[in-house]
C-alpha atoms as a PDB file:
ATOM      1  CA  ASN A   1     -43.493  -3.512 151.832  1.00  0.00           C
ATOM      2  CA  ASP A   2     -42.822   0.201 151.210  1.00  0.00           C
ATOM      3  CA  ASP A   3     -39.244  -0.248 149.923  1.00  0.00           C
ATOM      4  CA  VAL A   4     -38.342   0.896 146.416  1.00  0.00           C
ATOM      5  CA  VAL A   5     -35.699  -1.248 144.730  1.00  0.00           C
ATOM      6  CA  ILE A   6     -33.853  -0.256 141.562  1.00  0.00           C
ATOM      7  CA  GLN A   7     -31.541  -2.994 140.411  1.00  0.00           C
ATOM      8  CA  GLY A   8     -29.384  -3.094 137.305  1.00  0.00           C
ATOM      9  CA  ALA A   9     -27.070  -5.656 135.809  1.00  0.00           C
ATOM     10  CA  ASP A  10     -24.157  -3.240 136.263  1.00  0.00           C
ATOM     11  CA  ASP A  11     -24.348   0.550 136.804  1.00  0.00           C
ATOM     12  CA  VAL A  12     -27.590   2.334 137.762  1.00  0.00           C
ATOM     13  CA  PHE A  13     -28.048   5.921 136.549  1.00  0.00           C
ATOM     14  CA  ILE A  14     -30.500   8.529 137.836  1.00  0.00           C
ATOM     15  CA  TYR A  15     -30.695  11.588 135.590  1.00  0.00           C
ATOM     16  CA  ALA A  16     -31.849  15.098 136.418  1.00  0.00           C
ATOM     17  CA  GLN A  17     -33.933  17.270 134.128  1.00  0.00           C
ATOM     18  CA  GLY A  18     -32.110  17.807 130.841  1.00  0.00           C
ATOM     19  CA  GLY A  19     -30.391  14.431 130.991  1.00  0.00           C
ATOM     20  CA  GLU A  20     -27.607  15.487 133.385  1.00  0.00           C
ATOM     21  CA  ASP A  21     -26.132  12.937 135.788  1.00  0.00           C
ATOM     22  CA  ALA A  22     -27.595  13.142 139.296  1.00  0.00           C
ATOM     23  CA  ILE A  23     -26.744   9.827 140.999  1.00  0.00           C
ATOM     24  CA  ILE A  24     -24.774   6.856 139.708  1.00  0.00           C
ATOM     25  CA  ALA A  25     -24.606   3.573 141.614  1.00  0.00           C
ATOM     26  CA  ARG A  26     -21.702   1.650 140.128  1.00  0.00           C
ATOM     27  CA  GLY A  27     -21.595  -2.094 139.735  1.00  0.00           C
ATOM     28  CA  ASN A  28     -18.438  -2.169 141.898  1.00  0.00           C
ATOM     29  CA  ALA A  29     -20.491  -0.728 144.827  1.00  0.00           C
ATOM     30  CA  ALA A  30     -19.250   2.874 144.408  1.00  0.00           C
ATOM     31  CA  VAL A  31     -21.747   5.740 144.501  1.00  0.00           C
ATOM     32  CA  GLU A  32     -21.366   9.107 142.752  1.00  0.00           C
ATOM     33  CA  ILE A  33     -23.504  12.211 143.374  1.00  0.00           C
ATOM     34  CA  PHE A  34     -23.533  15.179 140.999  1.00  0.00           C
ATOM     35  CA  TYR A  35     -24.618  18.812 141.012  1.00  0.00           C
ATOM     36  CA  ASN A  36     -25.233  20.519 137.680  1.00  0.00           C
ATOM     37  CA  ASN A  37     -23.558  17.555 135.980  1.00  0.00           C
ATOM     38  CA  SER A  38     -20.412  18.037 138.110  1.00  0.00           C
ATOM     39  CA  LYS A  39     -19.362  15.245 140.496  1.00  0.00           C
ATOM     40  CA  LYS A  40     -19.390  16.445 144.120  1.00  0.00           C
ATOM     41  CA  PHE A  41     -19.341  13.225 146.153  1.00  0.00           C
ATOM     42  CA  GLU A  42     -17.928   9.757 145.541  1.00  0.00           C
ATOM     43  CA  THR A  43     -17.525   6.628 147.637  1.00  0.00           C
ATOM     44  CA  THR A  44     -14.620   4.269 146.993  1.00  0.00           C
ATOM     45  CA  ASN A  45     -13.143   1.165 148.572  1.00  0.00           C
ATOM     46  CA  VAL A  46     -10.875   3.386 150.762  1.00  0.00           C
ATOM     47  CA  GLY A  47     -13.357   6.113 151.813  1.00  0.00           C
ATOM     48  CA  ILE A  48     -15.104   9.097 150.283  1.00  0.00           C
ATOM     49  CA  THR A  49     -14.064  11.990 148.047  1.00  0.00           C
ATOM     50  CA  VAL A  50     -15.776  15.389 148.295  1.00  0.00           C
ATOM     51  CA  SER A  51     -15.235  18.074 145.666  1.00  0.00           C
ATOM     52  CA  GLY A  52     -16.042  21.647 146.658  1.00  0.00           C
ATOM     53  CA  THR A  53     -17.205  22.923 150.053  1.00  0.00           C
ATOM     54  CA  THR A  54     -19.038  20.968 152.749  1.00  0.00           C
ATOM     55  CA  ALA A  55     -21.123  22.608 155.476  1.00  0.00           C
ATOM     56  CA  ASN A  56     -21.417  20.719 158.770  1.00  0.00           C
ATOM     57  CA  SER A  57     -21.873  21.619 162.436  1.00  0.00           C
ATOM     58  CA  SER A  58     -19.260  18.989 163.329  1.00  0.00           C
ATOM     59  CA  VAL A  59     -17.063  16.375 161.682  1.00  0.00           C
ATOM     60  CA  LEU A  60     -15.935  13.157 163.368  1.00  0.00           C
ATOM     61  CA  ILE A  61     -12.985  11.194 162.017  1.00  0.00           C
ATOM     62  CA  ASN A  62     -12.864   7.797 163.687  1.00  0.00           C
ATOM     63  CA  GLY A  63     -10.000   5.769 162.278  1.00  0.00           C
ATOM     64  CA  GLY A  64      -8.724   3.898 165.288  1.00  0.00           C
ATOM     65  CA  ALA A  65      -5.173   4.284 166.568  1.00  0.00           C
ATOM     66  CA  ASP A  66      -3.888   6.183 163.530  1.00  0.00           C
ATOM     67  CA  ALA A  67      -6.800   8.316 162.338  1.00  0.00           C
ATOM     68  CA  GLN A  68      -5.839  10.817 159.663  1.00  0.00           C
ATOM     69  CA  ALA A  69      -7.326  13.947 158.156  1.00  0.00           C
ATOM     70  CA  LYS A  70      -5.549  15.121 155.021  1.00  0.00           C
ATOM     71  CA  ILE A  71      -5.764  18.507 153.307  1.00  0.00           C
ATOM     72  CA  LEU A  72      -4.031  18.204 149.957  1.00  0.00           C
ATOM     73  CA  GLY A  73      -2.789  21.303 148.171  1.00  0.00           C
ATOM     74  CA  THR A  74      -0.866  21.401 144.923  1.00  0.00           C
ATOM     75  CA  THR A  75       1.586  24.037 143.697  1.00  0.00           C
ATOM     76  CA  THR A  76       0.816  26.869 146.129  1.00  0.00           C
ATOM     77  CA  ALA A  77      -0.300  25.880 149.634  1.00  0.00           C
ATOM     78  CA  ALA A  78      -2.731  23.879 151.765  1.00  0.00           C
ATOM     79  CA  ARG A  79      -4.516  25.250 154.817  1.00  0.00           C
ATOM     80  CA  LEU A  80      -7.067  24.586 157.557  1.00  0.00           C
ATOM     81  CA  ASP A  81      -9.299  27.551 158.497  1.00  0.00           C
ATOM     82  CA  ILE A  82     -10.762  28.082 161.974  1.00  0.00           C
ATOM     83  CA  GLN A  83     -13.271  30.917 162.158  1.00  0.00           C
ATOM     84  CA  THR A  84     -15.831  32.453 164.522  1.00  0.00           C
ATOM     85  CA  ASP A  85     -18.052  35.510 164.009  1.00  0.00           C
ATOM     86  CA  SER A  86     -15.216  37.865 165.010  1.00  0.00           C
ATOM     87  CA  HIS A  87     -11.959  35.940 164.564  1.00  0.00           C
ATOM     88  CA  HIS A  88     -10.400  34.017 161.690  1.00  0.00           C
ATOM     89  CA  ARG A  89      -7.120  32.083 161.752  1.00  0.00           C
ATOM     90  CA  PHE A  90      -5.676  29.301 159.645  1.00  0.00           C
ATOM     91  CA  TRP A  91      -2.881  26.732 159.748  1.00  0.00           C
ATOM     92  CA  GLN A  92      -1.033  26.572 156.444  1.00  0.00           C
ATOM     93  CA  THR A  93       1.935  24.897 154.806  1.00  0.00           C
ATOM     94  CA  ILE A  94       3.594  26.782 151.929  1.00  0.00           C
ATOM     95  CA  GLU A  95       4.812  24.931 148.846  1.00  0.00           C
ATOM     96  CA  SER A  96       7.453  27.498 147.783  1.00  0.00           C
ATOM     97  CA  ASP A  97       9.624  27.424 150.931  1.00  0.00           C
ATOM     98  CA  GLY A  98       8.138  24.559 152.973  1.00  0.00           C
ATOM     99  CA  ARG A  99       7.325  26.664 156.024  1.00  0.00           C
ATOM    100  CA  PHE A 100       4.359  25.948 158.307  1.00  0.00           C
ATOM    101  CA  ARG A 101       2.489  28.855 159.853  1.00  0.00           C
ATOM    102  CA  LEU A 102      -0.403  30.042 161.995  1.00  0.00           C
ATOM    103  CA  TYR A 103      -1.868  33.118 160.310  1.00  0.00           C
ATOM    104  CA  ASN A 104      -4.319  35.553 161.889  1.00  0.00           C
ATOM    105  CA  GLN A 105      -6.596  36.577 159.032  1.00  0.00           C
ATOM    106  CA  THR A 106      -8.399  39.071 161.290  1.00  0.00           C
ATOM    107  CA  THR A 107      -5.254  41.114 161.971  1.00  0.00           C
ATOM    108  CA  SER A 108      -3.385  40.089 158.783  1.00  0.00           C
ATOM    109  CA  SER A 109      -0.389  38.820 160.772  1.00  0.00           C
ATOM    110  CA  GLU A 110       1.652  35.623 160.816  1.00  0.00           C
ATOM    111  CA  GLN A 111       1.773  34.711 164.501  1.00  0.00           C
ATOM    112  CA  LEU A 112       3.707  31.422 164.442  1.00  0.00           C
ATOM    113  CA  THR A 113       6.244  30.288 161.848  1.00  0.00           C
ATOM    114  CA  VAL A 114       8.049  26.946 161.585  1.00  0.00           C
ATOM    115  CA  LEU A 115      10.687  26.891 158.843  1.00  0.00           C
ATOM    116  CA  SER A 116      11.427  23.739 156.849  1.00  0.00           C
ATOM    117  CA  ASP A 117      14.644  23.208 158.860  1.00  0.00           C
ATOM    118  CA  GLY A 118      12.744  23.323 162.188  1.00  0.00           C
ATOM    119  CA  LYS A 119      13.451  26.889 163.322  1.00  0.00           C
ATOM    120  CA  VAL A 120      10.489  28.441 165.139  1.00  0.00           C
ATOM    121  CA  GLY A 121       9.408  32.071 165.189  1.00  0.00           C
ATOM    122  CA  VAL A 122       6.698  33.725 167.288  1.00  0.00           C
ATOM    123  CA  ASN A 123       5.417  36.959 165.725  1.00  0.00           C
ATOM    124  CA  THR A 124       8.281  36.856 163.235  1.00  0.00           C
ATOM    125  CA  THR A 125       8.470  35.205 159.834  1.00  0.00           C
ATOM    126  CA  SER A 126      12.295  35.087 159.903  1.00  0.00           C
ATOM    127  CA  PRO A 127      13.413  33.256 163.073  1.00  0.00           C
ATOM    128  CA  ASP A 128      16.903  32.781 161.552  1.00  0.00           C
ATOM    129  CA  SER A 129      17.424  36.448 160.604  1.00  0.00           C
ATOM    130  CA  TYR A 130      20.062  37.317 163.215  1.00  0.00           C
ATOM    131  CA  SER A 131      23.737  37.174 162.348  1.00  0.00           C
ATOM    132  CA  PHE A 132      24.884  35.562 165.610  1.00  0.00           C
ATOM    133  CA  GLY A 133      24.540  31.894 166.583  1.00  0.00           C
ATOM    134  CA  GLY A 134      22.200  29.276 165.217  1.00  0.00           C
ATOM    135  CA  GLN A 135      18.667  30.603 165.702  1.00  0.00           C
ATOM    136  CA  ILE A 136      16.205  27.838 166.649  1.00  0.00           C
ATOM    137  CA  PHE A 137      13.509  29.757 168.547  1.00  0.00           C
ATOM    138  CA  ASN A 138      12.861  33.469 168.115  1.00  0.00           C
ATOM    139  CA  VAL A 139      10.190  35.508 169.931  1.00  0.00           C
ATOM    140  CA  SER A 140       9.441  38.988 168.617  1.00  0.00           C
ATOM    141  CA  ALA A 141       6.972  41.424 170.190  1.00  0.00           C
ATOM    142  CA  GLY A 142       7.636  44.394 167.941  1.00  0.00           C
ATOM    143  CA  SER A 143       7.755  47.586 169.992  1.00  0.00           C
ATOM    144  CA  SER A 144       6.513  45.802 173.145  1.00  0.00           C
ATOM    145  CA  TYR A 145       8.402  43.615 175.611  1.00  0.00           C
ATOM    146  CA  SER A 146       9.204  40.045 174.516  1.00  0.00           C
ATOM    147  CA  ASN A 147       8.406  37.691 177.380  1.00  0.00           C
ATOM    148  CA  ILE A 148       8.663  33.928 177.798  1.00  0.00           C
ATOM    149  CA  LEU A 149       6.824  32.791 180.929  1.00  0.00           C
ATOM    150  CA  ILE A 150       7.966  29.617 182.720  1.00  0.00           C
ATOM    151  CA  THR A 151       5.734  28.598 185.624  1.00  0.00           C
ATOM    152  CA  GLN A 152       5.822  25.779 188.156  1.00  0.00           C
ATOM    153  CA  ASN A 153       3.558  24.419 190.889  1.00  0.00           C
ATOM    154  CA  GLY A 154       4.349  24.964 194.566  1.00  0.00           C
ATOM    155  CA  THR A 155       8.063  24.807 195.350  1.00  0.00           C
ATOM    156  CA  ASN A 156       9.076  23.008 192.159  1.00  0.00           C
ATOM    157  CA  VAL A 157      11.873  24.613 190.174  1.00  0.00           C
ATOM    158  CA  GLY A 158      11.261  26.289 186.832  1.00  0.00           C
ATOM    159  CA  GLY A 159      14.177  26.813 184.509  1.00  0.00           C
ATOM    160  CA  ILE A 160      15.911  26.504 181.188  1.00  0.00           C
ATOM    161  CA  GLN A 161      18.180  23.556 180.459  1.00  0.00           C
ATOM    162  CA  PHE A 162      20.932  23.540 177.833  1.00  0.00           C
ATOM    163  CA  GLY A 163      22.303  20.346 176.295  1.00  0.00           C
ATOM    164  CA  ASN A 164      22.120  17.899 173.429  1.00  0.00           C
ATOM    165  CA  GLY A 165      19.562  15.386 174.703  1.00  0.00           C
ATOM    166  CA  THR A 166      22.040  13.154 176.582  1.00  0.00           C
ATOM    167  CA  ILE A 167      24.367  15.744 178.157  1.00  0.00           C
ATOM    168  CA  ARG A 168      23.103  18.640 180.274  1.00  0.00           C
ATOM    169  CA  ARG A 169      25.690  21.386 179.755  1.00  0.00           C
ATOM    170  CA  ALA A 170      24.131  24.280 181.678  1.00  0.00           C
ATOM    171  CA  SER A 171      20.967  25.467 183.387  1.00  0.00           C
ATOM    172  CA  ILE A 172      19.246  28.607 184.628  1.00  0.00           C
ATOM    173  CA  GLU A 173      16.785  27.951 187.447  1.00  0.00           C
ATOM    174  CA  ASP A 174      14.691  29.925 189.892  1.00  0.00           C
ATOM    175  CA  ILE A 175      15.011  29.082 193.583  1.00  0.00           C
ATOM    176  CA  ASP A 176      11.503  28.924 195.014  1.00  0.00           C
ATOM    177  CA  GLY A 177      10.905  32.554 194.035  1.00  0.00           C
ATOM    178  CA  SER A 178      13.908  33.848 196.013  1.00  0.00           C
ATOM    179  CA  GLY A 179      16.492  34.151 193.251  1.00  0.00           C
ATOM    180  CA  MET A 180      18.120  32.703 190.147  1.00  0.00           C
ATOM    181  CA  LYS A 181      20.820  30.024 189.963  1.00  0.00           C
ATOM    182  CA  PHE A 182      23.232  29.641 187.038  1.00  0.00           C
ATOM    183  CA  SER A 183      24.981  26.276 186.725  1.00  0.00           C
ATOM    184  CA  THR A 184      27.346  24.596 184.256  1.00  0.00           C
ATOM    185  CA  ASN A 185      28.680  21.118 183.530  1.00  0.00           C
ATOM    186  CA  THR A 186      32.484  21.287 183.623  1.00  0.00           C
ATOM    187  CA  THR A 187      32.967  17.699 182.412  1.00  0.00           C
ATOM    188  CA  ASN A 188      30.790  17.907 179.276  1.00  0.00           C
ATOM    189  CA  SER A 189      29.296  14.517 180.128  1.00  0.00           C
ATOM    190  CA  GLY A 190      26.301  13.269 182.080  1.00  0.00           C
ATOM    191  CA  THR A 191      23.583  15.471 183.508  1.00  0.00           C
ATOM    192  CA  SER A 192      25.178  16.859 186.694  1.00  0.00           C
ATOM    193  CA  VAL A 193      25.766  20.607 186.874  1.00  0.00           C
ATOM    194  CA  SER A 194      27.415  22.758 189.538  1.00  0.00           C
ATOM    195  CA  GLU A 195      26.287  26.203 190.608  1.00  0.00           C
ATOM    196  CA  LYS A 196      28.480  29.042 189.338  1.00  0.00           C
ATOM    197  CA  MET A 197      26.436  32.118 190.191  1.00  0.00           C
ATOM    198  CA  ARG A 198      23.348  33.027 192.209  1.00  0.00           C
ATOM    199  CA  ILE A 199      21.305  36.205 192.071  1.00  0.00           C
END
């Protein structure tokens, strides 16, 4: 038998040179791993805790129907970085104002912003900056054209619908590539709309 067994009545300690902790196997089945006397890895009854940076080619989180990956920040922010040799972006939530953003570290620009009240901005950090109406979605292209592309397959209609989830109040639709149709709901109930203008 080539197994090596170290068994203690409670905790088992393995020390590095100089008497610093290296590995501790706890009597409650937890395991702790240290570097330079600083704990870097710990197993518990609910999972593992890693302190510092881990380097892996891939990470699999397999938790069944409700698998979770949590990045916990404190008083400033928490973020998830995605980086290649030439491009670097990160998702981040900000503690001070509660906004969620996609930030392009390569170009130093905030490309997507979701405010704490749900307003969304594309290439703008202030989707609610205009003085008219209630701004929910704001697309800014700076000095270029701002375009929102709506596509459909075959002869299906692409369009924009206006309503409150149960009542369709108006719509703007293309007509198989031959024009645009503008319709409204004159009863303010149901989902039926009638055409008011065609271009």
